[in-house]
Structures are given as structure tokens and as C-alpha cells.
């Protein structure tokens, strides 16, 4: 994460992964014109992705499950940048062993600052999203095909209706990700660091999904762990 203030009298802006990608893409295109793949996880904001796709029609945008390990999943030579909202940003960096694609926070921060020193960015307006977290020890039972997983899947799909279609990520099948034809999206996953299930969704779906969080809590209590 990078903190930016353009002048002493302007408020500090917090740049997360989505904003840093917006800053870096023009620079990386100039440095590596042969690369055309942009990886982002489902954590990134749909409105930001839609704007980037409109601005860079020659790039191939690929969405993956949550986690920086999926951001360099493709061919290294084709990777322009991989990013997610939490601040993970990576691109191929040449070293004595070839190409490093694990990311380098210091290099990323310096590159962002260097770009902002000469270009004042007007950052893309984010969409309004909400997060519900259900604390439960049963999160250990959350995996593809498990009774707990399939029960939550049925609960979500019943609440969402037919407008939302599920996308399955082969690299990580333990996430429930749904999207509309217009790009609206939401997902549910077990936290990798805490005993909880998270549901991230557009704010406008709050009423439609009002009872989902309560249902997940009830379901988690019905499975022994």
C-alpha cells in the first residue's frame, strides 16, 4: 500500500492494488510492449476493471481466485502485471536467474512514486461493496464438494436468482464466485488466516442477501467439526 499527497494542502490518498495497477500499466506497456496479459483476482473492484478494459482494449484481462500466487499463473513472457485490491502487485523483473514474478514491494512503491512524480492521476471511482464475515470454526469444513460448502452454495444461488452465473476457478475451486452479464459480482470464501467465512457483494444487493449471513451461521452450527 502506498500513501500519496500531491501537495501539503491536499488529503492523503491510500493507494491499494487496484490504484497502483492503474498508475503502473502505462509505464509497464512502454517497458515491455510484447506483454499483453493483465491478471487480477476477484478481490479487485469490478468498476476499476471495467474502466481499465475500456482504456486498454489491446490487453487481455484475466480474472483469478484470491491470492497473489495466482497472479503469475500464465506465461511469464506474456505477463504485463498482476494485482489485487489488498496491495499485491507483481510483474516480471529480470534478475540473474531469469524472471522474478513473486513481486517486490520496494520496487513497486518506488515505481509508483516515480510515475506520480510526473503524472497526476485521476483515480477510477470505485463501486460500493460490502463484506459480511461469519465467524465459525466450521470454516475448516469449507472445501469444494463438502456438505457445508454445497449448502452455502445452494443458499446463495437461491437468494441471487438466475441473473448471477457461477464461475469455477480450476486453480482454486474452494471459492464461490458469481457474476452478471453486466459485470456485477460477488463471492464467498473461507479466510486463510481466521476462522471465518466472508461474503463480498455490491451494496445494492444488501436487501436481497439480508438473510444469507444468518443462514451461513446457522448452517455452520449444523455441521460437526
C-alpha atoms as a PDB file:
ATOM      1  CA  UNK A   1       0.000   0.000   0.000  1.00  0.00           C
ATOM      2  CA  UNK A   2       1.276   3.481  -0.929  1.00  0.00           C
ATOM      3  CA  UNK A   3       0.257   6.789   0.702  1.00  0.00           C
ATOM      4  CA  UNK A   4       0.206   9.797  -1.633  1.00  0.00           C
ATOM      5  CA  UNK A   5      -0.311  13.538  -1.106  1.00  0.00           C
ATOM      6  CA  UNK A   6       0.128  15.724  -4.203  1.00  0.00           C
ATOM      7  CA  UNK A   7       0.714  18.879  -2.145  1.00  0.00           C
ATOM      8  CA  UNK A   8       0.876  19.891   1.540  1.00  0.00           C
ATOM      9  CA  UNK A   9      -2.736  21.069   1.441  1.00  0.00           C
ATOM     10  CA  UNK A  10      -4.323  18.019  -0.175  1.00  0.00           C
ATOM     11  CA  UNK A  11      -5.589  14.982   1.730  1.00  0.00           C
ATOM     12  CA  UNK A  12      -3.514  11.824   1.768  1.00  0.00           C
ATOM     13  CA  UNK A  13      -4.720   9.122  -0.597  1.00  0.00           C
ATOM     14  CA  UNK A  14      -4.259   5.451   0.157  1.00  0.00           C
ATOM     15  CA  UNK A  15      -3.331   3.533  -2.984  1.00  0.00           C
ATOM     16  CA  UNK A  16      -4.311  -0.107  -2.864  1.00  0.00           C
ATOM     17  CA  UNK A  17      -3.516  -2.698  -5.509  1.00  0.00           C
ATOM     18  CA  UNK A  18      -6.183  -1.503  -7.953  1.00  0.00           C
ATOM     19  CA  UNK A  19      -4.910   2.093  -7.907  1.00  0.00           C
ATOM     20  CA  UNK A  20      -1.273   1.027  -8.178  1.00  0.00           C
ATOM     21  CA  UNK A  21      -2.123  -1.054 -11.248  1.00  0.00           C
ATOM     22  CA  UNK A  22      -3.796   1.981 -12.802  1.00  0.00           C
ATOM     23  CA  UNK A  23      -0.613   4.006 -12.193  1.00  0.00           C
ATOM     24  CA  UNK A  24       1.794   1.318 -13.401  1.00  0.00           C
ATOM     25  CA  UNK A  25       0.136  -0.085 -16.534  1.00  0.00           C
ATOM     26  CA  UNK A  26       1.182   2.786 -18.883  1.00  0.00           C
ATOM     27  CA  UNK A  27       4.783   2.557 -17.674  1.00  0.00           C
ATOM     28  CA  UNK A  28       4.912  -1.224 -17.988  1.00  0.00           C
ATOM     29  CA  UNK A  29       3.438  -1.117 -21.502  1.00  0.00           C
ATOM     30  CA  UNK A  30       6.319   1.135 -22.560  1.00  0.00           C
ATOM     31  CA  UNK A  31       8.899  -1.081 -20.851  1.00  0.00           C
ATOM     32  CA  UNK A  32       7.517  -4.388 -22.100  1.00  0.00           C
ATOM     33  CA  UNK A  33       5.371  -3.837 -25.223  1.00  0.00           C
ATOM     34  CA  UNK A  34       5.226  -7.560 -26.038  1.00  0.00           C
ATOM     35  CA  UNK A  35       3.429  -8.433 -22.806  1.00  0.00           C
ATOM     36  CA  UNK A  36      -0.351  -8.234 -23.029  1.00  0.00           C
ATOM     37  CA  UNK A  37      -1.810 -10.199 -20.099  1.00  0.00           C
ATOM     38  CA  UNK A  38      -3.191  -8.483 -17.016  1.00  0.00           C
ATOM     39  CA  UNK A  39      -4.108 -10.717 -14.089  1.00  0.00           C
ATOM     40  CA  UNK A  40      -6.376  -9.598 -11.261  1.00  0.00           C
ATOM     41  CA  UNK A  41      -8.121 -11.527  -8.536  1.00  0.00           C
ATOM     42  CA  UNK A  42     -11.837 -11.415  -7.774  1.00  0.00           C
ATOM     43  CA  UNK A  43     -10.918  -9.139  -4.864  1.00  0.00           C
ATOM     44  CA  UNK A  44     -10.359  -6.244  -7.283  1.00  0.00           C
ATOM     45  CA  UNK A  45     -13.172  -3.771  -7.815  1.00  0.00           C
ATOM     46  CA  UNK A  46     -15.380  -4.542 -10.863  1.00  0.00           C
ATOM     47  CA  UNK A  47     -15.747  -0.832 -11.700  1.00  0.00           C
ATOM     48  CA  UNK A  48     -11.976  -0.380 -11.802  1.00  0.00           C
ATOM     49  CA  UNK A  49     -11.553  -3.442 -14.024  1.00  0.00           C
ATOM     50  CA  UNK A  50     -14.287  -2.279 -16.397  1.00  0.00           C
ATOM     51  CA  UNK A  51     -12.579   1.106 -16.784  1.00  0.00           C
ATOM     52  CA  UNK A  52      -9.169  -0.459 -17.360  1.00  0.00           C
ATOM     53  CA  UNK A  53     -10.595  -2.800 -20.003  1.00  0.00           C
ATOM     54  CA  UNK A  54     -12.157   0.175 -21.775  1.00  0.00           C
ATOM     55  CA  UNK A  55      -8.900   2.141 -21.653  1.00  0.00           C
ATOM     56  CA  UNK A  56      -6.624  -0.724 -22.758  1.00  0.00           C
ATOM     57  CA  UNK A  57      -8.531  -2.700 -25.357  1.00  0.00           C
ATOM     58  CA  UNK A  58      -5.379  -4.424 -26.666  1.00  0.00           C
ATOM     59  CA  UNK A  59      -4.671  -6.067 -23.316  1.00  0.00           C
ATOM     60  CA  UNK A  60      -6.022  -9.433 -22.261  1.00  0.00           C
ATOM     61  CA  UNK A  61      -7.575  -9.230 -18.777  1.00  0.00           C
ATOM     62  CA  UNK A  62      -7.721 -12.488 -16.824  1.00  0.00           C
ATOM     63  CA  UNK A  63      -9.501 -12.931 -13.501  1.00  0.00           C
ATOM     64  CA  UNK A  64      -8.342 -15.434 -10.898  1.00  0.00           C
ATOM     65  CA  UNK A  65      -9.219 -16.551  -7.405  1.00  0.00           C
ATOM     66  CA  UNK A  66      -7.992 -14.623  -4.355  1.00  0.00           C
ATOM     67  CA  UNK A  67      -4.270 -14.869  -3.607  1.00  0.00           C
ATOM     68  CA  UNK A  68      -1.094 -13.414  -5.064  1.00  0.00           C
ATOM     69  CA  UNK A  69       0.113 -16.901  -6.054  1.00  0.00           C
ATOM     70  CA  UNK A  70      -2.436 -16.896  -8.908  1.00  0.00           C
ATOM     71  CA  UNK A  71      -1.333 -13.525 -10.298  1.00  0.00           C
ATOM     72  CA  UNK A  72       1.534 -15.000 -12.310  1.00  0.00           C
ATOM     73  CA  UNK A  73      -0.310 -18.160 -13.290  1.00  0.00           C
ATOM     74  CA  UNK A  74       0.196 -17.749 -17.028  1.00  0.00           C
ATOM     75  CA  UNK A  75       3.208 -17.434 -19.320  1.00  0.00           C
ATOM     76  CA  UNK A  76       5.824 -15.159 -17.749  1.00  0.00           C
ATOM     77  CA  UNK A  77       6.753 -13.609 -21.099  1.00  0.00           C
ATOM     78  CA  UNK A  78       3.134 -12.507 -21.648  1.00  0.00           C
ATOM     79  CA  UNK A  79       2.525 -11.178 -18.128  1.00  0.00           C
ATOM     80  CA  UNK A  80       2.316  -7.384 -18.017  1.00  0.00           C
ATOM     81  CA  UNK A  81       1.078  -7.051 -14.436  1.00  0.00           C
ATOM     82  CA  UNK A  82      -0.837  -8.977 -11.779  1.00  0.00           C
ATOM     83  CA  UNK A  83      -2.653  -7.241  -8.935  1.00  0.00           C
ATOM     84  CA  UNK A  84      -5.349  -7.466  -6.296  1.00  0.00           C
ATOM     85  CA  UNK A  85      -7.021  -4.897  -4.098  1.00  0.00           C
ATOM     86  CA  UNK A  86      -5.196  -5.854  -0.885  1.00  0.00           C
ATOM     87  CA  UNK A  87      -1.974  -4.467  -2.328  1.00  0.00           C
ATOM     88  CA  UNK A  88      -0.299  -7.423  -4.018  1.00  0.00           C
ATOM     89  CA  UNK A  89       1.245  -6.146  -7.251  1.00  0.00           C
ATOM     90  CA  UNK A  90       3.750  -8.033  -9.396  1.00  0.00           C
ATOM     91  CA  UNK A  91       5.265  -8.110 -12.848  1.00  0.00           C
ATOM     92  CA  UNK A  92       8.274  -9.917 -14.342  1.00  0.00           C
ATOM     93  CA  UNK A  93      11.528  -8.416 -13.040  1.00  0.00           C
ATOM     94  CA  UNK A  94      14.760  -9.576 -14.641  1.00  0.00           C
ATOM     95  CA  UNK A  95      17.475 -10.912 -12.346  1.00  0.00           C
ATOM     96  CA  UNK A  96      20.483 -13.221 -12.645  1.00  0.00           C
ATOM     97  CA  UNK A  97      18.224 -16.291 -12.568  1.00  0.00           C
ATOM     98  CA  UNK A  98      15.771 -15.135 -15.228  1.00  0.00           C
ATOM     99  CA  UNK A  99      12.434 -13.536 -14.404  1.00  0.00           C
ATOM    100  CA  UNK A 100      11.178 -12.896 -10.873  1.00  0.00           C
ATOM    101  CA  UNK A 101       7.361 -12.910 -10.664  1.00  0.00           C
ATOM    102  CA  UNK A 102       6.843 -13.080  -6.901  1.00  0.00           C
ATOM    103  CA  UNK A 103       6.599  -9.297  -6.551  1.00  0.00           C
ATOM    104  CA  UNK A 104       8.815  -6.753  -4.825  1.00  0.00           C
ATOM    105  CA  UNK A 105       7.107  -4.226  -2.567  1.00  0.00           C
ATOM    106  CA  UNK A 106      10.011  -1.754  -2.514  1.00  0.00           C
ATOM    107  CA  UNK A 107      10.408  -1.737  -6.302  1.00  0.00           C
ATOM    108  CA  UNK A 108       6.644  -1.390  -6.741  1.00  0.00           C
ATOM    109  CA  UNK A 109       6.445   1.543  -4.338  1.00  0.00           C
ATOM    110  CA  UNK A 110       9.365   3.345  -5.970  1.00  0.00           C
ATOM    111  CA  UNK A 111       7.933   2.787  -9.440  1.00  0.00           C
ATOM    112  CA  UNK A 112       4.531   4.146  -8.377  1.00  0.00           C
ATOM    113  CA  UNK A 113       6.136   7.208  -6.779  1.00  0.00           C
ATOM    114  CA  UNK A 114       8.267   7.782  -9.883  1.00  0.00           C
ATOM    115  CA  UNK A 115       5.207   7.740 -12.118  1.00  0.00           C
ATOM    116  CA  UNK A 116       3.191  10.022  -9.815  1.00  0.00           C
ATOM    117  CA  UNK A 117       6.090  12.493  -9.690  1.00  0.00           C
ATOM    118  CA  UNK A 118       5.417  13.318 -13.348  1.00  0.00           C
ATOM    119  CA  UNK A 119       1.750  12.361 -13.796  1.00  0.00           C
ATOM    120  CA  UNK A 120      -1.191  13.412 -11.616  1.00  0.00           C
ATOM    121  CA  UNK A 121      -3.656  10.531 -11.757  1.00  0.00           C
ATOM    122  CA  UNK A 122      -7.429  10.889 -11.609  1.00  0.00           C
ATOM    123  CA  UNK A 123      -8.275   7.596  -9.988  1.00  0.00           C
ATOM    124  CA  UNK A 124     -11.204   5.493 -11.148  1.00  0.00           C
ATOM    125  CA  UNK A 125     -14.303   5.790  -8.976  1.00  0.00           C
ATOM    126  CA  UNK A 126     -14.874   2.619  -7.004  1.00  0.00           C
ATOM    127  CA  UNK A 127     -18.150   0.766  -6.765  1.00  0.00           C
ATOM    128  CA  UNK A 128     -19.755   0.343  -3.336  1.00  0.00           C
ATOM    129  CA  UNK A 129     -19.157  -3.115  -1.943  1.00  0.00           C
ATOM    130  CA  UNK A 130     -19.859  -4.681   1.417  1.00  0.00           C
ATOM    131  CA  UNK A 131     -18.318  -7.540   3.368  1.00  0.00           C
ATOM    132  CA  UNK A 132     -20.119  -9.877   5.725  1.00  0.00           C
ATOM    133  CA  UNK A 133     -17.952 -12.076   7.920  1.00  0.00           C
ATOM    134  CA  UNK A 134     -19.330 -15.112   9.719  1.00  0.00           C
ATOM    135  CA  UNK A 135     -17.001 -16.236  12.496  1.00  0.00           C
ATOM    136  CA  UNK A 136     -17.119 -20.020  12.720  1.00  0.00           C
ATOM    137  CA  UNK A 137     -14.752 -22.859  13.491  1.00  0.00           C
ATOM    138  CA  UNK A 138     -16.560 -24.766  10.744  1.00  0.00           C
ATOM    139  CA  UNK A 139     -14.550 -22.792   8.183  1.00  0.00           C
ATOM    140  CA  UNK A 140     -12.202 -25.814   8.202  1.00  0.00           C
ATOM    141  CA  UNK A 141     -15.074 -27.751   6.628  1.00  0.00           C
ATOM    142  CA  UNK A 142     -15.292 -25.281   3.726  1.00  0.00           C
ATOM    143  CA  UNK A 143     -13.946 -27.001   0.634  1.00  0.00           C
ATOM    144  CA  UNK A 144     -15.312 -27.863  -2.788  1.00  0.00           C
ATOM    145  CA  UNK A 145     -17.968 -30.568  -2.596  1.00  0.00           C
ATOM    146  CA  UNK A 146     -18.233 -30.648   1.210  1.00  0.00           C
ATOM    147  CA  UNK A 147     -21.735 -30.614   2.765  1.00  0.00           C
ATOM    148  CA  UNK A 148     -21.090 -27.192   4.313  1.00  0.00           C
ATOM    149  CA  UNK A 149     -19.795 -25.751   1.018  1.00  0.00           C
ATOM    150  CA  UNK A 150     -22.673 -27.094  -1.081  1.00  0.00           C
ATOM    151  CA  UNK A 151     -25.256 -25.952   1.485  1.00  0.00           C
ATOM    152  CA  UNK A 152     -23.933 -22.382   1.388  1.00  0.00           C
ATOM    153  CA  UNK A 153     -23.793 -22.587  -2.411  1.00  0.00           C
ATOM    154  CA  UNK A 154     -27.493 -23.526  -2.527  1.00  0.00           C
ATOM    155  CA  UNK A 155     -28.362 -20.724  -0.091  1.00  0.00           C
ATOM    156  CA  UNK A 156     -26.523 -18.122  -2.174  1.00  0.00           C
ATOM    157  CA  UNK A 157     -27.936 -19.259  -5.500  1.00  0.00           C
ATOM    158  CA  UNK A 158     -31.462 -19.278  -4.098  1.00  0.00           C
ATOM    159  CA  UNK A 159     -31.012 -15.672  -2.910  1.00  0.00           C
ATOM    160  CA  UNK A 160     -29.358 -14.461  -6.118  1.00  0.00           C
ATOM    161  CA  UNK A 161     -31.695 -15.943  -8.695  1.00  0.00           C
ATOM    162  CA  UNK A 162     -30.810 -16.679 -12.315  1.00  0.00           C
ATOM    163  CA  UNK A 163     -29.211 -13.319 -13.153  1.00  0.00           C
ATOM    164  CA  UNK A 164     -25.945 -14.324 -11.474  1.00  0.00           C
ATOM    165  CA  UNK A 165     -23.926 -17.142 -13.029  1.00  0.00           C
ATOM    166  CA  UNK A 166     -21.201 -19.026 -11.209  1.00  0.00           C
ATOM    167  CA  UNK A 167     -17.601 -19.116 -12.455  1.00  0.00           C
ATOM    168  CA  UNK A 168     -15.412 -22.002 -11.258  1.00  0.00           C
ATOM    169  CA  UNK A 169     -11.683 -21.372 -10.972  1.00  0.00           C
ATOM    170  CA  UNK A 170      -9.756 -24.563 -11.662  1.00  0.00           C
ATOM    171  CA  UNK A 171      -6.785 -23.296  -9.668  1.00  0.00           C
ATOM    172  CA  UNK A 172      -8.973 -22.776  -6.577  1.00  0.00           C
ATOM    173  CA  UNK A 173     -12.365 -24.472  -6.530  1.00  0.00           C
ATOM    174  CA  UNK A 174     -12.988 -23.577  -2.884  1.00  0.00           C
ATOM    175  CA  UNK A 175     -14.449 -20.172  -3.698  1.00  0.00           C
ATOM    176  CA  UNK A 176     -17.995 -19.360  -4.746  1.00  0.00           C
ATOM    177  CA  UNK A 177     -17.869 -16.583  -7.359  1.00  0.00           C
ATOM    178  CA  UNK A 178     -20.913 -15.229  -9.204  1.00  0.00           C
ATOM    179  CA  UNK A 179     -21.193 -12.604 -11.928  1.00  0.00           C
ATOM    180  CA  UNK A 180     -23.842 -10.999 -14.120  1.00  0.00           C
ATOM    181  CA  UNK A 181     -23.590 -10.186 -17.810  1.00  0.00           C
ATOM    182  CA  UNK A 182     -23.084  -6.532 -16.783  1.00  0.00           C
ATOM    183  CA  UNK A 183     -20.050  -7.343 -14.651  1.00  0.00           C
ATOM    184  CA  UNK A 184     -21.624  -7.204 -11.187  1.00  0.00           C
ATOM    185  CA  UNK A 185     -20.001  -9.806  -8.979  1.00  0.00           C
ATOM    186  CA  UNK A 186     -19.873 -11.290  -5.519  1.00  0.00           C
ATOM    187  CA  UNK A 187     -18.026 -14.125  -3.877  1.00  0.00           C
ATOM    188  CA  UNK A 188     -17.861 -16.229  -0.722  1.00  0.00           C
ATOM    189  CA  UNK A 189     -14.722 -17.855   0.625  1.00  0.00           C
ATOM    190  CA  UNK A 190     -13.129 -19.109   3.794  1.00  0.00           C
ATOM    191  CA  UNK A 191     -10.441 -16.841   5.217  1.00  0.00           C
ATOM    192  CA  UNK A 192      -6.940 -18.243   5.000  1.00  0.00           C
ATOM    193  CA  UNK A 193      -5.915 -16.645   8.308  1.00  0.00           C
ATOM    194  CA  UNK A 194      -9.010 -16.551  10.519  1.00  0.00           C
ATOM    195  CA  UNK A 195     -11.879 -18.958  11.329  1.00  0.00           C
ATOM    196  CA  UNK A 196     -14.497 -17.170   9.261  1.00  0.00           C
ATOM    197  CA  UNK A 197     -16.474 -17.215   6.037  1.00  0.00           C
ATOM    198  CA  UNK A 198     -16.572 -13.965   4.079  1.00  0.00           C
ATOM    199  CA  UNK A 199     -19.203 -12.818   1.597  1.00  0.00           C
ATOM    200  CA  UNK A 200     -18.249  -9.772  -0.508  1.00  0.00           C
ATOM    201  CA  UNK A 201     -21.028  -8.247  -2.598  1.00  0.00           C
ATOM    202  CA  UNK A 202     -22.317  -5.000  -4.201  1.00  0.00           C
ATOM    203  CA  UNK A 203     -24.038  -2.728  -1.697  1.00  0.00           C
ATOM    204  CA  UNK A 204     -27.209  -2.657  -3.789  1.00  0.00           C
ATOM    205  CA  UNK A 205     -27.683  -6.379  -3.073  1.00  0.00           C
ATOM    206  CA  UNK A 206     -27.813  -5.852   0.691  1.00  0.00           C
ATOM    207  CA  UNK A 207     -31.576  -6.316   0.980  1.00  0.00           C
ATOM    208  CA  UNK A 208     -31.608  -9.249  -1.422  1.00  0.00           C
ATOM    209  CA  UNK A 209     -28.925 -11.028   0.619  1.00  0.00           C
ATOM    210  CA  UNK A 210     -30.176  -9.890   4.016  1.00  0.00           C
ATOM    211  CA  UNK A 211     -30.670 -13.367   5.439  1.00  0.00           C
ATOM    212  CA  UNK A 212     -27.655 -15.049   3.831  1.00  0.00           C
ATOM    213  CA  UNK A 213     -25.231 -14.196   6.636  1.00  0.00           C
ATOM    214  CA  UNK A 214     -27.647 -15.548   9.243  1.00  0.00           C
ATOM    215  CA  UNK A 215     -28.211 -18.677   7.149  1.00  0.00           C
ATOM    216  CA  UNK A 216     -24.453 -19.325   6.865  1.00  0.00           C
ATOM    217  CA  UNK A 217     -24.120 -19.018  10.638  1.00  0.00           C
ATOM    218  CA  UNK A 218     -26.972 -21.465  11.164  1.00  0.00           C
ATOM    219  CA  UNK A 219     -25.529 -23.881   8.613  1.00  0.00           C
ATOM    220  CA  UNK A 220     -22.075 -23.741  10.201  1.00  0.00           C
ATOM    221  CA  UNK A 221     -23.560 -24.776  13.524  1.00  0.00           C
ATOM    222  CA  UNK A 222     -25.272 -27.797  11.977  1.00  0.00           C
ATOM    223  CA  UNK A 223     -22.037 -29.476  10.871  1.00  0.00           C
ATOM    224  CA  UNK A 224     -19.705 -31.099  13.441  1.00  0.00           C
ATOM    225  CA  UNK A 225     -16.067 -30.090  13.295  1.00  0.00           C
END
